[in-house]
Amino acid sequence: MPKTLIPRDERRAGLIKAGVKLAKKTPVDKISCALLARSVTPTIVPSMVFHIFGTTAAMRKAITKAAAQ
């Protein structure tokens, strides 16, 4: 069965949503790419999270911004 690629913007939105959920239990400054990856699904690896956001700081900023909305 062929793998279905999820578009980058959809993957990013899903990671942000998972990050907001995770931030309810964990301070945002303690959320790493690895922690976010583990909280989503076994198929997501930390390097993919880092690739999508570019930096851990950018990931945290996106989570914080989404949580404030």
C-alpha atoms as a PDB file:
ATOM      1  CA  MET A   1       0.000   0.000   0.000  1.00  0.00           C
ATOM      2  CA  PRO A   2       1.540   3.357  -1.007  1.00  0.00           C
ATOM      3  CA  LYS A   3       2.186   5.969   1.640  1.00  0.00           C
ATOM      4  CA  THR A   4       0.060   9.090   1.512  1.00  0.00           C
ATOM      5  CA  LEU A   5       2.029  12.285   1.857  1.00  0.00           C
ATOM      6  CA  ILE A   6       0.365  14.941   3.958  1.00  0.00           C
ATOM      7  CA  PRO A   7       0.942  18.459   2.621  1.00  0.00           C
ATOM      8  CA  ARG A   8       3.393  20.483   4.693  1.00  0.00           C
ATOM      9  CA  ASP A   9       0.827  23.107   5.779  1.00  0.00           C
ATOM     10  CA  GLU A  10      -1.575  20.394   6.978  1.00  0.00           C
ATOM     11  CA  ARG A  11       1.222  18.599   8.832  1.00  0.00           C
ATOM     12  CA  ARG A  12       2.272  21.915  10.436  1.00  0.00           C
ATOM     13  CA  ALA A  13      -1.303  22.683  11.494  1.00  0.00           C
ATOM     14  CA  GLY A  14      -1.620  19.223  13.051  1.00  0.00           C
ATOM     15  CA  LEU A  15       1.638  19.652  14.951  1.00  0.00           C
ATOM     16  CA  ILE A  16       0.548  23.052  16.244  1.00  0.00           C
ATOM     17  CA  LYS A  17      -2.779  21.601  17.383  1.00  0.00           C
ATOM     18  CA  ALA A  18      -0.933  18.796  19.182  1.00  0.00           C
ATOM     19  CA  GLY A  19       1.438  21.369  20.673  1.00  0.00           C
ATOM     20  CA  VAL A  20      -1.420  23.440  22.062  1.00  0.00           C
ATOM     21  CA  LYS A  21      -2.891  20.311  23.647  1.00  0.00           C
ATOM     22  CA  LEU A  22       0.518  19.390  25.069  1.00  0.00           C
ATOM     23  CA  ALA A  23       1.009  22.935  26.401  1.00  0.00           C
ATOM     24  CA  LYS A  24      -2.000  22.479  28.669  1.00  0.00           C
ATOM     25  CA  LYS A  25       0.071  19.953  30.651  1.00  0.00           C
ATOM     26  CA  THR A  26       3.643  21.086  29.953  1.00  0.00           C
ATOM     27  CA  PRO A  27       5.115  24.608  29.967  1.00  0.00           C
ATOM     28  CA  VAL A  28       5.800  25.721  26.400  1.00  0.00           C
ATOM     29  CA  ASP A  29       9.464  26.389  27.186  1.00  0.00           C
ATOM     30  CA  LYS A  30       9.803  22.691  28.089  1.00  0.00           C
ATOM     31  CA  ILE A  31       8.327  21.435  24.792  1.00  0.00           C
ATOM     32  CA  SER A  32      11.043  20.158  22.475  1.00  0.00           C
ATOM     33  CA  CYS A  33      10.775  18.854  18.927  1.00  0.00           C
ATOM     34  CA  ALA A  34      11.268  15.352  20.337  1.00  0.00           C
ATOM     35  CA  LEU A  35       8.534  15.745  22.946  1.00  0.00           C
ATOM     36  CA  LEU A  36       6.087  17.118  20.388  1.00  0.00           C
ATOM     37  CA  ALA A  37       6.923  14.309  17.953  1.00  0.00           C
ATOM     38  CA  ARG A  38       6.348  11.646  20.625  1.00  0.00           C
ATOM     39  CA  SER A  39       3.014  13.200  21.571  1.00  0.00           C
ATOM     40  CA  VAL A  40       1.638  13.005  18.028  1.00  0.00           C
ATOM     41  CA  THR A  41       2.256   9.540  16.597  1.00  0.00           C
ATOM     42  CA  PRO A  42       5.088   7.035  16.248  1.00  0.00           C
ATOM     43  CA  THR A  43       5.451   7.959  12.565  1.00  0.00           C
ATOM     44  CA  ILE A  44       6.506  11.523  13.381  1.00  0.00           C
ATOM     45  CA  VAL A  45      10.178  11.911  14.233  1.00  0.00           C
ATOM     46  CA  PRO A  46      11.856  14.924  15.878  1.00  0.00           C
ATOM     47  CA  SER A  47      13.756  15.772  12.696  1.00  0.00           C
ATOM     48  CA  MET A  48      10.451  16.141  10.826  1.00  0.00           C
ATOM     49  CA  VAL A  49       9.145  18.573  13.445  1.00  0.00           C
ATOM     50  CA  PHE A  50      12.399  20.525  13.243  1.00  0.00           C
ATOM     51  CA  HIS A  51      12.235  20.497   9.424  1.00  0.00           C
ATOM     52  CA  ILE A  52       8.711  21.921   9.431  1.00  0.00           C
ATOM     53  CA  PHE A  53       9.393  24.728  11.931  1.00  0.00           C
ATOM     54  CA  GLY A  54      13.090  25.393  11.329  1.00  0.00           C
ATOM     55  CA  THR A  55      13.919  25.978  14.983  1.00  0.00           C
ATOM     56  CA  THR A  56      12.609  24.951  18.363  1.00  0.00           C
ATOM     57  CA  ALA A  57      11.941  28.624  19.109  1.00  0.00           C
ATOM     58  CA  ALA A  58       9.775  28.941  15.978  1.00  0.00           C
ATOM     59  CA  MET A  59       7.845  25.822  17.000  1.00  0.00           C
ATOM     60  CA  ARG A  60       7.220  27.229  20.480  1.00  0.00           C
ATOM     61  CA  LYS A  61       6.199  30.612  19.042  1.00  0.00           C
ATOM     62  CA  ALA A  62       3.648  28.937  16.729  1.00  0.00           C
ATOM     63  CA  ILE A  63       2.224  26.936  19.626  1.00  0.00           C
ATOM     64  CA  THR A  64       2.004  30.025  21.842  1.00  0.00           C
ATOM     65  CA  LYS A  65       0.344  32.068  19.095  1.00  0.00           C
ATOM     66  CA  ALA A  66      -2.224  29.346  18.387  1.00  0.00           C
ATOM     67  CA  ALA A  67      -2.974  28.889  22.085  1.00  0.00           C
ATOM     68  CA  ALA A  68      -3.663  32.618  22.440  1.00  0.00           C
ATOM     69  CA  GLN A  69      -6.306  32.583  19.685  1.00  0.00           C
END
